[in-house]
Amino acid sequence: MITLQHLDHVAIRSSHPDTSAERYRDVLGLELVRVPGWDPYPIMMMCGNQGIAIFPLKGLSENGVENMGRHGFDHLAFRVDKDSFTHAVSRFEEREISYHIQDHHYFKSVYIHDPDGIQIELTTPVIPLPAI
């Protein structure tokens, strides 16, 4: 069984990522978190254990695929434990759902698309984040 722990983050593409981050911080009070090894992007804006990952409009996406330049919503991610991650991959294989896995150093993620093409990420911690 796949058990989702919580919504981990929503990813957006911005033509002005730093300005967007300032707005989320200064207007909404989200905390800017710079993760070592992830600079300059994504910019993580956190509210407790959930956040917004801000990526630039153009360039490579987090999975190394060329971003097509669309702005706005990119994907949503759910946090899972390691057992649920493994079970999810097995379920995708059983149902012949196309997926890809990416190592983000601190996290390991598996990506699928819903029937409308929206990218869904399941992410599990691999090693603890350093004190920030």
Protein backbone atom coordinates (compact mmCIF):
# COMPACT_ATOMS: atom_id res chain seq x y z
CA MET A 1 0.00 0.00 0.00
CA ILE A 2 1.17 3.52 -0.78
CA THR A 3 0.77 5.85 2.20
CA LEU A 4 1.11 9.55 1.46
CA GLN A 5 2.47 11.43 4.47
CA HIS A 6 1.66 14.95 3.26
CA LEU A 7 1.90 17.29 0.32
CA ASP A 8 5.65 17.99 0.16
CA HIS A 9 5.76 20.81 -2.36
CA VAL A 10 4.23 22.39 -5.41
CA ALA A 11 6.66 23.43 -8.14
CA ILE A 12 6.21 26.53 -10.26
CA ARG A 13 8.14 28.07 -13.14
CA SER A 14 8.78 31.79 -12.96
CA SER A 15 10.24 34.35 -15.33
CA HIS A 16 11.64 36.10 -12.23
CA PRO A 17 12.32 33.39 -9.61
CA ASP A 18 14.11 35.66 -7.13
CA THR A 19 11.36 38.28 -7.28
CA SER A 20 8.75 35.54 -6.82
CA ALA A 21 10.65 34.21 -3.81
CA GLU A 22 10.76 37.70 -2.28
CA ARG A 23 6.99 38.04 -2.74
CA TYR A 24 6.28 34.69 -1.06
CA ARG A 25 8.63 35.67 1.80
CA ASP A 26 7.75 39.32 2.27
CA VAL A 27 4.01 39.19 1.61
CA LEU A 28 2.98 35.69 2.69
CA GLY A 29 5.67 35.01 5.29
CA LEU A 30 7.09 31.81 3.81
CA GLU A 31 10.63 30.93 4.88
CA LEU A 32 13.38 31.00 2.24
CA VAL A 33 15.44 27.81 2.50
CA ARG A 34 18.61 27.37 0.45
CA VAL A 35 19.59 23.71 0.32
CA PRO A 36 23.34 23.08 -0.14
CA GLY A 37 23.99 21.63 -3.58
CA TRP A 38 20.69 22.91 -4.97
CA ASP A 39 21.83 26.50 -5.58
CA PRO A 40 20.64 28.48 -7.31
CA TYR A 41 17.50 26.45 -8.10
CA PRO A 42 15.09 25.40 -6.95
CA ILE A 43 14.43 28.20 -4.50
CA MET A 44 12.53 26.53 -1.66
CA MET A 45 9.89 28.62 0.11
CA MET A 46 8.65 26.70 3.14
CA CYS A 47 5.60 26.81 5.37
CA GLY A 48 6.26 24.15 8.00
CA ASN A 49 7.08 20.91 6.20
CA GLN A 50 5.38 21.95 2.95
CA GLY A 51 6.66 24.33 0.37
CA ILE A 52 6.85 25.89 -3.04
CA ALA A 53 9.81 25.03 -5.28
CA ILE A 54 10.52 27.92 -7.65
CA PHE A 55 12.33 27.12 -10.88
CA PRO A 56 13.38 29.46 -13.69
CA LEU A 57 11.17 29.67 -16.74
CA LYS A 58 13.84 28.49 -19.16
CA GLY A 59 16.58 25.90 -18.88
CA LEU A 60 16.73 22.35 -17.64
CA SER A 61 14.04 20.99 -15.38
CA GLU A 62 14.97 19.20 -12.16
CA ASN A 63 14.96 15.86 -14.01
CA GLY A 64 17.38 17.14 -16.64
CA VAL A 65 14.76 17.54 -19.40
CA GLU A 66 14.71 20.79 -21.35
CA ASN A 67 11.94 23.01 -19.99
CA MET A 68 9.66 24.14 -22.77
CA GLY A 69 9.37 27.66 -21.37
CA ARG A 70 5.86 27.51 -19.92
CA HIS A 71 5.30 29.49 -16.75
CA GLY A 72 3.12 28.66 -13.78
CA PHE A 73 2.35 25.27 -12.31
CA ASP A 74 4.97 22.57 -13.03
CA HIS A 75 4.26 19.59 -10.74
CA LEU A 76 3.14 18.55 -7.29
CA ALA A 77 4.98 16.26 -4.91
CA PHE A 78 3.87 14.02 -2.07
CA ARG A 79 6.18 12.80 0.71
CA VAL A 80 6.26 9.04 1.24
CA ASP A 81 8.38 6.70 3.33
CA LYS A 82 10.84 4.26 1.73
CA ASP A 83 8.42 1.31 1.84
CA SER A 84 5.68 3.29 0.11
CA PHE A 85 8.21 4.49 -2.47
CA THR A 86 9.18 0.90 -3.28
CA HIS A 87 5.54 -0.19 -3.36
CA ALA A 88 4.66 2.71 -5.68
CA VAL A 89 7.34 1.72 -8.19
CA SER A 90 6.07 -1.87 -8.12
CA ARG A 91 2.50 -0.68 -8.64
CA PHE A 92 3.54 1.50 -11.59
CA GLU A 93 5.29 -1.48 -13.16
CA GLU A 94 2.30 -3.80 -12.58
CA ARG A 95 -0.04 -1.28 -14.18
CA GLU A 96 2.44 -0.44 -16.96
CA ILE A 97 2.51 3.21 -15.93
CA SER A 98 5.52 5.02 -17.36
CA TYR A 99 7.76 6.49 -14.64
CA HIS A 100 11.26 7.75 -14.05
CA ILE A 101 13.32 7.94 -10.88
CA GLN A 102 15.65 10.75 -9.95
CA ASP A 103 18.24 11.03 -7.19
CA HIS A 104 18.17 14.51 -5.58
CA HIS A 105 20.98 13.63 -3.15
CA TYR A 106 18.87 14.26 -0.02
CA PHE A 107 15.73 12.76 -1.57
CA LYS A 108 14.86 10.10 -4.12
CA SER A 109 11.84 10.78 -6.31
CA VAL A 110 9.70 8.87 -8.76
CA TYR A 111 7.67 10.78 -11.35
CA ILE A 112 4.52 9.81 -13.23
CA HIS A 113 1.87 11.78 -15.12
CA ASP A 114 -1.83 11.81 -14.43
CA PRO A 115 -4.26 11.27 -17.33
CA ASP A 116 -4.21 15.02 -18.09
CA GLY A 117 -0.42 15.14 -18.25
CA ILE A 118 0.15 16.75 -14.83
CA GLN A 119 3.43 15.53 -13.37
CA ILE A 120 3.14 13.85 -9.96
CA GLU A 121 6.21 13.25 -7.79
CA LEU A 122 6.53 10.86 -4.86
CA THR A 123 9.60 11.77 -2.82
CA THR A 124 11.31 10.03 0.09
CA PRO A 125 14.23 11.20 2.24
CA VAL A 126 17.51 9.36 1.66
CA ILE A 127 19.82 11.27 4.00
CA PRO A 128 19.04 14.07 6.49
CA LEU A 129 19.25 17.62 5.23
CA PRO A 130 22.14 19.58 6.77
CA ALA A 131 21.28 22.18 9.37
CA ILE A 132 20.29 25.27 7.46
